Protein backbone atom coordinates (compact mmCIF):
# COMPACT_ATOMS: atom_id res chain seq x y z
CA MET A 1 8.99 1.31 -3.59
CA LYS A 2 9.31 2.55 0.14
CA TYR A 3 6.17 1.70 1.98
CA GLY A 4 7.58 2.49 5.62
CA SER A 5 5.90 6.05 6.04
CA THR A 6 2.97 7.79 7.67
CA THR A 7 2.59 9.78 4.35
CA CYS A 8 2.20 6.57 2.44
CA ALA A 9 0.20 5.07 4.73
CA LEU A 10 -2.12 7.82 4.81
CA GLU A 11 -2.20 7.80 0.99
CA TYR A 12 -3.40 4.01 0.93
CA ALA A 13 -6.02 5.14 3.63
CA ARG A 14 -7.21 7.90 1.71
CA ARG A 15 -7.98 5.27 -1.27
CA GLY A 16 -9.46 2.87 1.31
CA ALA A 17 -6.78 0.41 1.22
CA ILE A 18 -4.99 0.46 4.54
CA GLU A 19 -5.07 -3.17 4.75
CA GLU A 20 -3.13 -3.32 1.35
CA TRP A 21 -0.54 -0.75 2.62
CA VAL A 22 -0.23 -3.06 5.97
CA GLN A 23 0.57 -5.91 3.95
CA LEU A 24 2.92 -4.14 1.70
CA PHE A 25 4.79 -2.49 4.45
CA LEU A 26 5.03 -5.81 6.73
CA ARG A 27 6.35 -7.81 3.51
CA ASN A 28 8.96 -5.04 2.37
CA ASP A 29 10.16 -2.18 4.77
CA GLY A 30 8.63 -3.68 7.61
CA GLU A 31 10.49 -7.08 7.30
CA ASN A 32 7.76 -8.66 9.02
CA LEU A 33 6.46 -11.37 7.09
CA GLU A 34 5.13 -13.84 9.85
CA PHE A 35 2.90 -10.84 11.20
CA ALA A 36 1.61 -10.44 7.74
CA GLU A 37 0.93 -13.80 7.08
CA GLY A 38 -1.02 -14.20 10.30
CA LEU A 39 -3.12 -11.01 9.44
CA LEU A 40 -4.69 -13.16 6.71
CA LEU A 41 -5.62 -16.23 8.63
CA GLU A 42 -8.93 -14.56 9.45
CA LYS A 43 -11.08 -11.64 8.62
CA ARG A 44 -9.61 -8.31 10.03
CA TYR A 45 -10.82 -4.66 10.50
CA TYR A 46 -8.61 -1.92 10.18
CA SER A 47 -8.86 1.78 11.51
CA GLY A 48 -6.33 4.50 11.08
CA PRO A 49 -3.52 5.54 10.86
CA VAL A 50 -4.72 8.12 13.47
CA LEU A 51 -2.87 10.34 15.70
CA THR A 52 -3.57 8.39 19.02
CA ASP A 53 -2.27 8.97 22.87
CA ILE A 54 0.25 6.04 22.72
CA THR A 55 0.39 6.11 26.65
CA VAL A 56 -2.57 3.71 26.67
CA PHE A 57 -0.67 0.91 25.40
CA GLY A 58 1.59 0.60 28.44
CA ILE A 59 5.31 0.51 28.13
CA GLU A 60 7.49 -2.90 28.93
CA GLU A 61 10.24 -1.28 30.89
CA GLY A 62 13.61 -2.60 29.37
CA ALA A 63 13.83 -4.82 26.82
CA PRO A 64 11.06 -6.77 25.66
CA SER A 65 10.35 -9.89 27.06
CA TYR A 66 10.63 -11.99 24.13
CA LEU A 67 14.39 -10.90 23.64
CA LYS A 68 16.65 -13.49 25.76
CA GLU A 69 20.19 -13.11 24.48
CA ALA A 70 22.50 -10.17 25.29
CA ASP A 71 23.39 -9.30 22.04
CA GLU A 72 19.74 -9.46 20.94
CA ILE A 73 18.96 -7.23 23.69
CA ASP A 74 21.82 -4.84 22.47
CA ARG A 75 20.73 -4.76 19.05
CA PHE A 76 17.29 -3.64 20.02
CA PHE A 77 18.28 -0.77 21.96
CA GLU A 78 21.09 0.35 19.02
CA VAL A 79 17.96 0.22 16.75
CA VAL A 80 15.99 2.55 19.26
CA GLU A 81 19.28 4.82 19.51
CA ARG A 82 19.58 5.15 15.47
CA MET A 83 15.62 6.11 15.41
CA LYS A 84 15.94 8.61 18.01
CA SER A 85 18.92 10.21 16.30
CA ILE A 86 16.75 10.65 12.98
CA TRP A 87 13.38 11.31 14.31
CA ALA A 88 13.04 14.89 13.49
CA ASP A 89 13.76 14.13 9.94
CA TRP A 90 12.30 10.73 9.62
CA ASP A 91 8.52 10.14 8.32
CA PHE A 92 8.14 6.95 10.38
CA PRO A 93 5.53 4.18 9.54
CA PRO A 94 2.42 4.20 11.97
CA LEU A 95 2.60 1.84 14.90
CA ILE A 96 0.37 -1.27 14.16
CA VAL A 97 -1.50 -2.02 17.33
CA ASN A 98 -4.38 -5.15 18.03
CA TYR A 99 -7.19 -4.53 20.38
CA ALA A 100 -8.83 -7.79 21.43
CA PHE A 101 -10.28 -8.59 25.01
CA GLY A 102 -9.87 -5.08 26.43
CA ARG A 103 -6.26 -4.77 25.63
CA PHE A 104 -3.88 -3.02 23.32
CA GLU A 105 -0.89 -4.79 21.84
CA ILE A 106 1.71 -3.32 19.64
CA ASN A 107 2.11 -5.95 16.97
CA ASP A 108 4.88 -3.76 14.90
CA GLY A 109 6.80 -0.77 16.05
CA ARG A 110 8.05 -1.66 19.48
CA HIS A 111 11.25 0.13 18.58
CA ARG A 112 9.36 3.20 17.59
CA ASN A 113 7.38 3.02 20.40
CA ILE A 114 10.14 2.85 22.96
CA ALA A 115 11.77 5.52 21.33
CA LEU A 116 8.91 7.84 21.56
CA HIS A 117 8.48 6.99 25.00
CA GLN A 118 12.34 7.80 25.85
CA MET A 119 11.76 11.26 23.89
CA ASN A 120 8.66 12.08 25.87
CA ILE A 121 6.35 11.91 22.98
CA THR A 122 2.92 10.66 23.71
CA GLN A 123 1.21 11.10 20.38
CA ALA A 124 1.90 9.21 17.19
CA PRO A 125 0.11 7.66 14.07
CA VAL A 126 -1.29 4.37 14.61
CA ILE A 127 -3.29 1.71 12.60
CA PHE A 128 -5.53 -0.27 14.76
CA TRP A 129 -6.52 -3.75 13.66
CA VAL A 130 -9.41 -6.31 15.40
CA SER A 131 -10.58 -9.56 14.57
CA SER A 132 -14.22 -9.09 15.66
CA GLU A 133 -17.04 -6.58 14.73
CA GLU A 134 -17.74 -5.96 18.43
CA ASP A 135 -13.88 -4.83 18.67
CA HIS A 136 -14.24 -2.78 15.19
CA ARG A 137 -17.31 -1.11 16.94
CA TYR A 138 -15.22 -0.20 20.03
CA ILE A 139 -12.32 0.89 18.24
CA THR A 140 -14.44 3.09 15.83
CA GLU A 141 -16.42 4.50 18.77
CA LEU A 142 -13.13 5.17 20.78
CA LEU A 143 -11.74 7.25 17.82
CA ARG A 144 -14.74 9.06 17.39
CA SER A 145 -14.68 10.24 20.89
CA THR A 146 -11.25 11.52 20.76
CA GLU A 147 -11.78 13.45 17.71
CA SER A 148 -14.03 15.72 19.57
């Protein structure tokens, strides 16, 4: 089964199973097993997917700093360009974003985020995850305030 779509994520969320979708997506279509395993190390709180102003996350100009080799950087931007070329026909997966210590960090969806930025798209579906009840209350309140 393919899990890498916002439609699929919304269906899991409707059933109260967004954590399950995150694990299935990361272990299959998302090909991010290390992140999936890391999420299981302690209790996490999930919210979304919700349409969000992604400009609040900031954009790292150029290639992500964790890419060091020229061929890695080239491959990163090749993926971004492929995403941009199919964007109109693609039910893309939500960005997966952590909130901690007053900061947002995109943990899955760096290519999608760069593609959105380059296309001047500021709203995208996001799944937020946090590790503390305090951060969960903050995200819940933030999402409530943006609904009005």
